[in-house]
Amino acid sequence: MSAALPLIDHVARLLERTYDFDSGLLPLGRFVVGEQGRQLLLDGAQPRRRVDGGDGEACLLLRPLAEIEGSWAAALYLPEKLVEDLERADPRRELHRGNLGPFATLIEEVDHLLTFADRALRPEGMVSLLELEWHAAVSKHLTLSHFAGRLSARRRLAPEVRRMIDQHLFHRGPVVDSDASVVRRYARAESLARTFVGGLRRLAVDARLGRLRRFHRANHFEKLRRFA
């Protein structure tokens, strides 16, 4: 895989191509902030919303724009260590337990940003936190599997690679958070994603893409009704 494109944009393009939509946000580097930018955004006077990543560090920061109804300002906070880890072990060249976690976190935050932007452009303009986490968990599995498959040059993932990905995404135990509702939401999203991914595996290869795109286009209630 070519490393000419920044990793964050490589992930974004893969997600847009998979789900068949154009966020219009690339290049995503202009949305990324470090610790100083994060503090400035969180300490500001205007109300802000934060969508946490699974590790409680990286996050999507959102602020409604009062001057443009229905519009939002967005930033992706990526900790310096996460960026350094992925620069040192680029998952386009190697994917293992050492960089699987940081890469999964990056995928999650990119997916949050793209999914939120896509929903904001729709007439209903609504997305729930559960839907964001569920969608991101599915996207993490797809993207990690895609990168692992490209590196191995095999049509099917080796059993040990699939186990490594599944264990990281679906068998790590509950998220640690002082807010019980956050813990419940992540557990529910993980369970829903595990069920959805299991269903995908039982489909013929040429049927999977269509189901993924229907999943992406469905809103919160449609997802629960059709894909839970």
C-alpha atoms as a PDB file:
ATOM      1  CA  MET A   1       0.000   0.000   0.000  1.00  0.00           C
ATOM      2  CA  SER A   2       1.279   3.433  -0.898  1.00  0.00           C
ATOM      3  CA  ALA A   3       2.196   5.659   2.029  1.00  0.00           C
ATOM      4  CA  ALA A   4       2.173   8.809  -0.132  1.00  0.00           C
ATOM      5  CA  LEU A   5      -1.296   9.755   1.115  1.00  0.00           C
ATOM      6  CA  PRO A   6      -1.482  10.671   4.819  1.00  0.00           C
ATOM      7  CA  LEU A   7      -2.766   7.704   6.806  1.00  0.00           C
ATOM      8  CA  ILE A   8      -5.755   9.656   8.111  1.00  0.00           C
ATOM      9  CA  ASP A   9      -6.879  10.416   4.537  1.00  0.00           C
ATOM     10  CA  HIS A  10      -6.176   6.848   3.433  1.00  0.00           C
ATOM     11  CA  VAL A  11      -8.621   5.657   6.102  1.00  0.00           C
ATOM     12  CA  ALA A  12     -11.183   8.325   5.191  1.00  0.00           C
ATOM     13  CA  ARG A  13     -11.124   7.437   1.497  1.00  0.00           C
ATOM     14  CA  LEU A  14     -11.529   3.755   2.271  1.00  0.00           C
ATOM     15  CA  LEU A  15     -14.585   4.470   4.441  1.00  0.00           C
ATOM     16  CA  GLU A  16     -16.150   6.802   1.877  1.00  0.00           C
ATOM     17  CA  ARG A  17     -15.586   4.273  -0.891  1.00  0.00           C
ATOM     18  CA  THR A  18     -16.975   1.414   1.193  1.00  0.00           C
ATOM     19  CA  TYR A  19     -20.129   3.250   2.238  1.00  0.00           C
ATOM     20  CA  ASP A  20     -20.479   5.129  -1.077  1.00  0.00           C
ATOM     21  CA  PHE A  21     -20.612   8.731   0.098  1.00  0.00           C
ATOM     22  CA  ASP A  22     -18.509  11.873  -0.165  1.00  0.00           C
ATOM     23  CA  SER A  23     -18.060  13.837   3.049  1.00  0.00           C
ATOM     24  CA  GLY A  24     -16.345  16.727   1.273  1.00  0.00           C
ATOM     25  CA  LEU A  25     -14.002  17.028   4.254  1.00  0.00           C
ATOM     26  CA  LEU A  26     -10.675  15.785   2.892  1.00  0.00           C
ATOM     27  CA  PRO A  27      -7.877  16.477   3.570  1.00  0.00           C
ATOM     28  CA  LEU A  28      -8.621  15.721   7.222  1.00  0.00           C
ATOM     29  CA  GLY A  29      -5.323  17.078   8.515  1.00  0.00           C
ATOM     30  CA  ARG A  30      -6.901  20.537   8.758  1.00  0.00           C
ATOM     31  CA  PHE A  31      -9.281  19.212  11.439  1.00  0.00           C
ATOM     32  CA  VAL A  32      -6.582  17.693  13.660  1.00  0.00           C
ATOM     33  CA  VAL A  33      -5.549  19.477  16.860  1.00  0.00           C
ATOM     34  CA  GLY A  34      -3.024  18.614  19.550  1.00  0.00           C
ATOM     35  CA  GLU A  35      -3.183  19.166  23.298  1.00  0.00           C
ATOM     36  CA  GLN A  36      -2.990  22.954  23.090  1.00  0.00           C
ATOM     37  CA  GLY A  37      -5.757  23.146  20.509  1.00  0.00           C
ATOM     38  CA  ARG A  38      -7.872  20.739  22.531  1.00  0.00           C
ATOM     39  CA  GLN A  39      -7.581  22.870  25.656  1.00  0.00           C
ATOM     40  CA  LEU A  40      -8.475  26.021  23.757  1.00  0.00           C
ATOM     41  CA  LEU A  41     -11.590  24.368  22.394  1.00  0.00           C
ATOM     42  CA  LEU A  42     -12.682  22.839  25.708  1.00  0.00           C
ATOM     43  CA  ASP A  43     -12.009  26.005  27.703  1.00  0.00           C
ATOM     44  CA  GLY A  44     -13.974  28.280  25.361  1.00  0.00           C
ATOM     45  CA  ALA A  45     -17.131  30.018  26.477  1.00  0.00           C
ATOM     46  CA  GLN A  46     -19.431  28.510  23.867  1.00  0.00           C
ATOM     47  CA  PRO A  47     -21.060  25.118  24.523  1.00  0.00           C
ATOM     48  CA  ARG A  48     -19.243  22.187  22.985  1.00  0.00           C
ATOM     49  CA  ARG A  49     -19.935  18.516  22.624  1.00  0.00           C
ATOM     50  CA  ARG A  50     -17.323  15.820  22.880  1.00  0.00           C
ATOM     51  CA  VAL A  51     -17.479  12.362  21.353  1.00  0.00           C
ATOM     52  CA  ASP A  52     -14.940  10.213  23.161  1.00  0.00           C
ATOM     53  CA  GLY A  53     -12.860   7.556  21.510  1.00  0.00           C
ATOM     54  CA  GLY A  54     -12.663   4.139  23.089  1.00  0.00           C
ATOM     55  CA  ASP A  55      -9.494   4.971  25.006  1.00  0.00           C
ATOM     56  CA  GLY A  56     -10.947   8.126  26.567  1.00  0.00           C
ATOM     57  CA  GLU A  57      -8.242  10.302  25.003  1.00  0.00           C
ATOM     58  CA  ALA A  58      -8.635  10.877  21.294  1.00  0.00           C
ATOM     59  CA  CYS A  59     -11.958  12.546  20.607  1.00  0.00           C
ATOM     60  CA  LEU A  60     -14.129  14.421  18.156  1.00  0.00           C
ATOM     61  CA  LEU A  61     -14.927  17.941  19.356  1.00  0.00           C
ATOM     62  CA  LEU A  62     -18.060  19.623  18.022  1.00  0.00           C
ATOM     63  CA  ARG A  63     -19.446  23.138  18.339  1.00  0.00           C
ATOM     64  CA  PRO A  64     -22.729  24.370  16.812  1.00  0.00           C
ATOM     65  CA  LEU A  65     -22.341  27.513  14.722  1.00  0.00           C
ATOM     66  CA  ALA A  66     -24.915  30.035  15.885  1.00  0.00           C
ATOM     67  CA  GLU A  67     -24.495  32.136  12.761  1.00  0.00           C
ATOM     68  CA  ILE A  68     -25.354  29.244  10.406  1.00  0.00           C
ATOM     69  CA  GLU A  69     -28.319  27.163  11.524  1.00  0.00           C
ATOM     70  CA  GLY A  70     -27.659  23.433  11.406  1.00  0.00           C
ATOM     71  CA  SER A  71     -23.909  23.885  10.890  1.00  0.00           C
ATOM     72  CA  TRP A  72     -21.093  22.713  13.129  1.00  0.00           C
ATOM     73  CA  ALA A  73     -17.425  23.387  13.706  1.00  0.00           C
ATOM     74  CA  ALA A  74     -15.423  20.209  14.255  1.00  0.00           C
ATOM     75  CA  ALA A  75     -11.943  19.212  15.379  1.00  0.00           C
ATOM     76  CA  LEU A  76     -10.212  15.875  15.904  1.00  0.00           C
ATOM     77  CA  TYR A  77      -7.991  15.707  18.952  1.00  0.00           C
ATOM     78  CA  LEU A  78      -5.266  13.104  18.487  1.00  0.00           C
ATOM     79  CA  PRO A  79      -2.783  12.675  21.362  1.00  0.00           C
ATOM     80  CA  GLU A  80       0.842  13.132  20.420  1.00  0.00           C
ATOM     81  CA  LYS A  81       1.695   9.587  21.512  1.00  0.00           C
ATOM     82  CA  LEU A  82      -0.933   8.099  19.204  1.00  0.00           C
ATOM     83  CA  VAL A  83       0.468  10.042  16.245  1.00  0.00           C
ATOM     84  CA  GLU A  84       4.025   9.023  17.125  1.00  0.00           C
ATOM     85  CA  ASP A  85       3.044   5.357  17.489  1.00  0.00           C
ATOM     86  CA  LEU A  86       1.481   5.305  14.023  1.00  0.00           C
ATOM     87  CA  GLU A  87       4.384   7.169  12.461  1.00  0.00           C
ATOM     88  CA  ARG A  88       6.807   4.675  13.979  1.00  0.00           C
ATOM     89  CA  ALA A  89       4.745   1.628  12.948  1.00  0.00           C
ATOM     90  CA  ASP A  90       2.622   2.643   9.958  1.00  0.00           C
ATOM     91  CA  PRO A  91      -0.187   0.055   9.612  1.00  0.00           C
ATOM     92  CA  ARG A  92       0.192   0.243   5.838  1.00  0.00           C
ATOM     93  CA  ARG A  93       3.541  -1.468   6.299  1.00  0.00           C
ATOM     94  CA  GLU A  94       2.956  -3.558   9.431  1.00  0.00           C
ATOM     95  CA  LEU A  95      -0.039  -4.435  11.574  1.00  0.00           C
ATOM     96  CA  HIS A  96       0.402  -6.189  14.911  1.00  0.00           C
ATOM     97  CA  ARG A  97      -0.634  -5.958  18.550  1.00  0.00           C
ATOM     98  CA  GLY A  98       1.773  -3.062  19.051  1.00  0.00           C
ATOM     99  CA  ASN A  99       0.006  -0.670  16.671  1.00  0.00           C
ATOM    100  CA  LEU A 100      -3.454  -2.238  16.446  1.00  0.00           C
ATOM    101  CA  GLY A 101      -4.823  -0.157  19.337  1.00  0.00           C
ATOM    102  CA  PRO A 102      -3.628   3.263  18.118  1.00  0.00           C
ATOM    103  CA  PHE A 103      -4.786   2.472  14.591  1.00  0.00           C
ATOM    104  CA  ALA A 104      -8.229   1.365  15.794  1.00  0.00           C
ATOM    105  CA  THR A 105      -8.537   4.633  17.728  1.00  0.00           C
ATOM    106  CA  LEU A 106      -7.652   6.656  14.632  1.00  0.00           C
ATOM    107  CA  ILE A 107     -10.224   4.749  12.566  1.00  0.00           C
ATOM    108  CA  GLU A 108     -12.867   5.348  15.227  1.00  0.00           C
ATOM    109  CA  GLU A 109     -12.350   9.105  15.331  1.00  0.00           C
ATOM    110  CA  VAL A 110     -12.202   9.435  11.542  1.00  0.00           C
ATOM    111  CA  ASP A 111     -15.422   7.432  11.299  1.00  0.00           C
ATOM    112  CA  HIS A 112     -17.088   9.649  13.921  1.00  0.00           C
ATOM    113  CA  LEU A 113     -16.193  12.774  11.942  1.00  0.00           C
ATOM    114  CA  LEU A 114     -17.269  11.424   8.552  1.00  0.00           C
ATOM    115  CA  THR A 115     -20.496   9.885   9.855  1.00  0.00           C
ATOM    116  CA  PHE A 116     -21.465  13.020  11.765  1.00  0.00           C
ATOM    117  CA  ALA A 117     -20.787  15.180   8.695  1.00  0.00           C
ATOM    118  CA  ASP A 118     -22.844  12.867   6.492  1.00  0.00           C
ATOM    119  CA  ARG A 119     -25.771  12.927   8.924  1.00  0.00           C
ATOM    120  CA  ALA A 120     -25.599  16.715   9.326  1.00  0.00           C
ATOM    121  CA  LEU A 121     -26.245  17.116   5.590  1.00  0.00           C
ATOM    122  CA  ARG A 122     -29.429  15.043   5.709  1.00  0.00           C
ATOM    123  CA  PRO A 123     -32.892  16.587   6.133  1.00  0.00           C
ATOM    124  CA  GLU A 124     -33.407  14.894   9.519  1.00  0.00           C
ATOM    125  CA  GLY A 125     -29.902  15.875  10.635  1.00  0.00           C
ATOM    126  CA  MET A 126     -29.913  13.476  13.563  1.00  0.00           C
ATOM    127  CA  VAL A 127     -27.386  10.959  14.831  1.00  0.00           C
ATOM    128  CA  SER A 128     -27.276   9.307  18.239  1.00  0.00           C
ATOM    129  CA  LEU A 129     -24.156   8.534  20.249  1.00  0.00           C
ATOM    130  CA  LEU A 130     -25.084   4.849  20.134  1.00  0.00           C
ATOM    131  CA  GLU A 131     -25.282   4.976  16.338  1.00  0.00           C
ATOM    132  CA  LEU A 132     -21.893   6.713  16.129  1.00  0.00           C
ATOM    133  CA  GLU A 133     -20.231   4.078  18.308  1.00  0.00           C
ATOM    134  CA  TRP A 134     -21.966   1.176  16.561  1.00  0.00           C
ATOM    135  CA  HIS A 135     -21.019   2.499  13.121  1.00  0.00           C
ATOM    136  CA  ALA A 136     -17.427   3.119  14.226  1.00  0.00           C
ATOM    137  CA  ALA A 137     -17.083  -0.389  15.664  1.00  0.00           C
ATOM    138  CA  VAL A 138     -18.168  -1.884  12.337  1.00  0.00           C
ATOM    139  CA  SER A 139     -15.802   0.442  10.462  1.00  0.00           C
ATOM    140  CA  LYS A 140     -12.898  -0.501  12.718  1.00  0.00           C
ATOM    141  CA  HIS A 141     -13.420  -4.175  11.983  1.00  0.00           C
ATOM    142  CA  LEU A 142     -13.695  -3.568   8.239  1.00  0.00           C
ATOM    143  CA  THR A 143     -10.669  -1.293   8.056  1.00  0.00           C
ATOM    144  CA  LEU A 144      -8.399  -3.416  10.229  1.00  0.00           C
ATOM    145  CA  SER A 145      -9.370  -6.489   8.212  1.00  0.00           C
ATOM    146  CA  HIS A 146      -8.761  -4.634   4.945  1.00  0.00           C
ATOM    147  CA  PHE A 147      -5.290  -3.480   5.952  1.00  0.00           C
ATOM    148  CA  ALA A 148      -4.380  -6.912   7.325  1.00  0.00           C
ATOM    149  CA  GLY A 149      -5.584  -8.553   4.134  1.00  0.00           C
ATOM    150  CA  ARG A 150      -3.603  -6.194   1.923  1.00  0.00           C
ATOM    151  CA  LEU A 151      -0.449  -6.841   3.916  1.00  0.00           C
ATOM    152  CA  SER A 152      -0.847 -10.616   3.731  1.00  0.00           C
ATOM    153  CA  ALA A 153      -1.898 -10.588   0.051  1.00  0.00           C
ATOM    154  CA  ARG A 154      -4.425 -13.305   0.903  1.00  0.00           C
ATOM    155  CA  ARG A 155      -8.104 -13.446  -0.045  1.00  0.00           C
ATOM    156  CA  ARG A 156      -9.006 -14.675   3.446  1.00  0.00           C
ATOM    157  CA  LEU A 157      -7.476 -13.559   6.717  1.00  0.00           C
ATOM    158  CA  ALA A 158      -5.403 -16.107   8.567  1.00  0.00           C
ATOM    159  CA  PRO A 159      -7.313 -17.410  11.626  1.00  0.00           C
ATOM    160  CA  GLU A 160      -4.770 -15.921  14.038  1.00  0.00           C
ATOM    161  CA  VAL A 161      -5.099 -12.472  12.436  1.00  0.00           C
ATOM    162  CA  ARG A 162      -8.886 -12.596  12.591  1.00  0.00           C
ATOM    163  CA  ARG A 163      -8.696 -13.636  16.251  1.00  0.00           C
ATOM    164  CA  MET A 164      -6.339 -10.746  17.009  1.00  0.00           C
ATOM    165  CA  ILE A 165      -8.740  -8.232  15.468  1.00  0.00           C
ATOM    166  CA  ASP A 166     -11.846  -9.754  17.053  1.00  0.00           C
ATOM    167  CA  GLN A 167     -10.196  -9.953  20.453  1.00  0.00           C
ATOM    168  CA  HIS A 168      -9.155  -6.310  20.349  1.00  0.00           C
ATOM    169  CA  LEU A 169     -12.541  -5.032  19.210  1.00  0.00           C
ATOM    170  CA  PHE A 170     -15.022  -7.371  20.857  1.00  0.00           C
ATOM    171  CA  HIS A 171     -13.374  -9.089  23.819  1.00  0.00           C
ATOM    172  CA  ARG A 172     -11.444  -6.427  25.738  1.00  0.00           C
ATOM    173  CA  GLY A 173     -13.895  -6.146  28.601  1.00  0.00           C
ATOM    174  CA  PRO A 174     -16.015  -3.125  29.560  1.00  0.00           C
ATOM    175  CA  VAL A 175     -14.902   0.451  28.960  1.00  0.00           C
ATOM    176  CA  VAL A 176     -13.736   2.130  32.163  1.00  0.00           C
ATOM    177  CA  ASP A 177     -15.673   5.351  32.766  1.00  0.00           C
ATOM    178  CA  SER A 178     -17.179   7.039  35.796  1.00  0.00           C
ATOM    179  CA  ASP A 179     -20.407   7.564  33.841  1.00  0.00           C
ATOM    180  CA  ALA A 180     -22.377   4.316  33.864  1.00  0.00           C
ATOM    181  CA  SER A 181     -24.377   5.407  30.811  1.00  0.00           C
ATOM    182  CA  VAL A 182     -21.151   5.635  28.771  1.00  0.00           C
ATOM    183  CA  VAL A 183     -20.148   2.124  29.842  1.00  0.00           C
ATOM    184  CA  ARG A 184     -23.580   0.789  28.856  1.00  0.00           C
ATOM    185  CA  ARG A 185     -23.524   2.593  25.511  1.00  0.00           C
ATOM    186  CA  TYR A 186     -20.130   1.185  24.534  1.00  0.00           C
ATOM    187  CA  ALA A 187     -21.157  -2.315  25.608  1.00  0.00           C
ATOM    188  CA  ARG A 188     -24.357  -2.080  23.563  1.00  0.00           C
ATOM    189  CA  ALA A 189     -22.508  -0.708  20.511  1.00  0.00           C
ATOM    190  CA  GLU A 190     -19.912  -3.484  20.746  1.00  0.00           C
ATOM    191  CA  SER A 191     -22.613  -6.146  20.979  1.00  0.00           C
ATOM    192  CA  LEU A 192     -24.518  -4.695  18.016  1.00  0.00           C
ATOM    193  CA  ALA A 193     -21.351  -4.462  15.923  1.00  0.00           C
ATOM    194  CA  ARG A 194     -20.335  -8.026  16.775  1.00  0.00           C
ATOM    195  CA  THR A 195     -23.753  -9.269  15.653  1.00  0.00           C
ATOM    196  CA  PHE A 196     -23.632  -7.226  12.449  1.00  0.00           C
ATOM    197  CA  VAL A 197     -20.115  -8.375  11.546  1.00  0.00           C
ATOM    198  CA  GLY A 198     -21.093 -11.981  12.229  1.00  0.00           C
ATOM    199  CA  GLY A 199     -23.998 -11.597   9.824  1.00  0.00           C
ATOM    200  CA  LEU A 200     -21.720 -10.144   7.159  1.00  0.00           C
ATOM    201  CA  ARG A 201     -19.437 -13.152   7.358  1.00  0.00           C
ATOM    202  CA  ARG A 202     -22.331 -15.454   6.545  1.00  0.00           C
ATOM    203  CA  LEU A 203     -23.150 -13.557   3.344  1.00  0.00           C
ATOM    204  CA  ALA A 204     -21.681 -14.153  -0.081  1.00  0.00           C
ATOM    205  CA  VAL A 205     -18.831 -11.731  -0.745  1.00  0.00           C
ATOM    206  CA  ASP A 206     -20.722  -9.817  -3.447  1.00  0.00           C
ATOM    207  CA  ALA A 207     -23.684  -9.250  -1.082  1.00  0.00           C
ATOM    208  CA  ARG A 208     -21.665  -7.713   1.734  1.00  0.00           C
ATOM    209  CA  LEU A 209     -21.035  -4.319   0.174  1.00  0.00           C
ATOM    210  CA  GLY A 210     -24.715  -3.685  -0.444  1.00  0.00           C
ATOM    211  CA  ARG A 211     -25.573  -4.541   3.155  1.00  0.00           C
ATOM    212  CA  LEU A 212     -22.822  -2.263   4.447  1.00  0.00           C
ATOM    213  CA  ARG A 213     -24.140   0.634   2.402  1.00  0.00           C
ATOM    214  CA  ARG A 214     -27.702   0.063   3.564  1.00  0.00           C
ATOM    215  CA  PHE A 215     -26.423  -0.036   7.131  1.00  0.00           C
ATOM    216  CA  HIS A 216     -24.620   3.278   6.668  1.00  0.00           C
ATOM    217  CA  ARG A 217     -27.618   5.027   5.108  1.00  0.00           C
ATOM    218  CA  ALA A 218     -30.042   3.850   7.796  1.00  0.00           C
ATOM    219  CA  ASN A 219     -30.704   6.205  10.694  1.00  0.00           C
ATOM    220  CA  HIS A 220     -30.616   5.214  14.358  1.00  0.00           C
ATOM    221  CA  PHE A 221     -34.090   3.693  14.432  1.00  0.00           C
ATOM    222  CA  GLU A 222     -33.742   1.958  11.063  1.00  0.00           C
ATOM    223  CA  LYS A 223     -30.450   0.424  12.172  1.00  0.00           C
ATOM    224  CA  LEU A 224     -32.037  -1.002  15.295  1.00  0.00           C
ATOM    225  CA  ARG A 225     -35.030  -2.306  13.366  1.00  0.00           C
ATOM    226  CA  ARG A 226     -33.127  -3.832  10.424  1.00  0.00           C
ATOM    227  CA  PHE A 227     -29.617  -4.644  11.638  1.00  0.00           C
ATOM    228  CA  ALA A 228     -29.708  -5.306  15.396  1.00  0.00           C
END
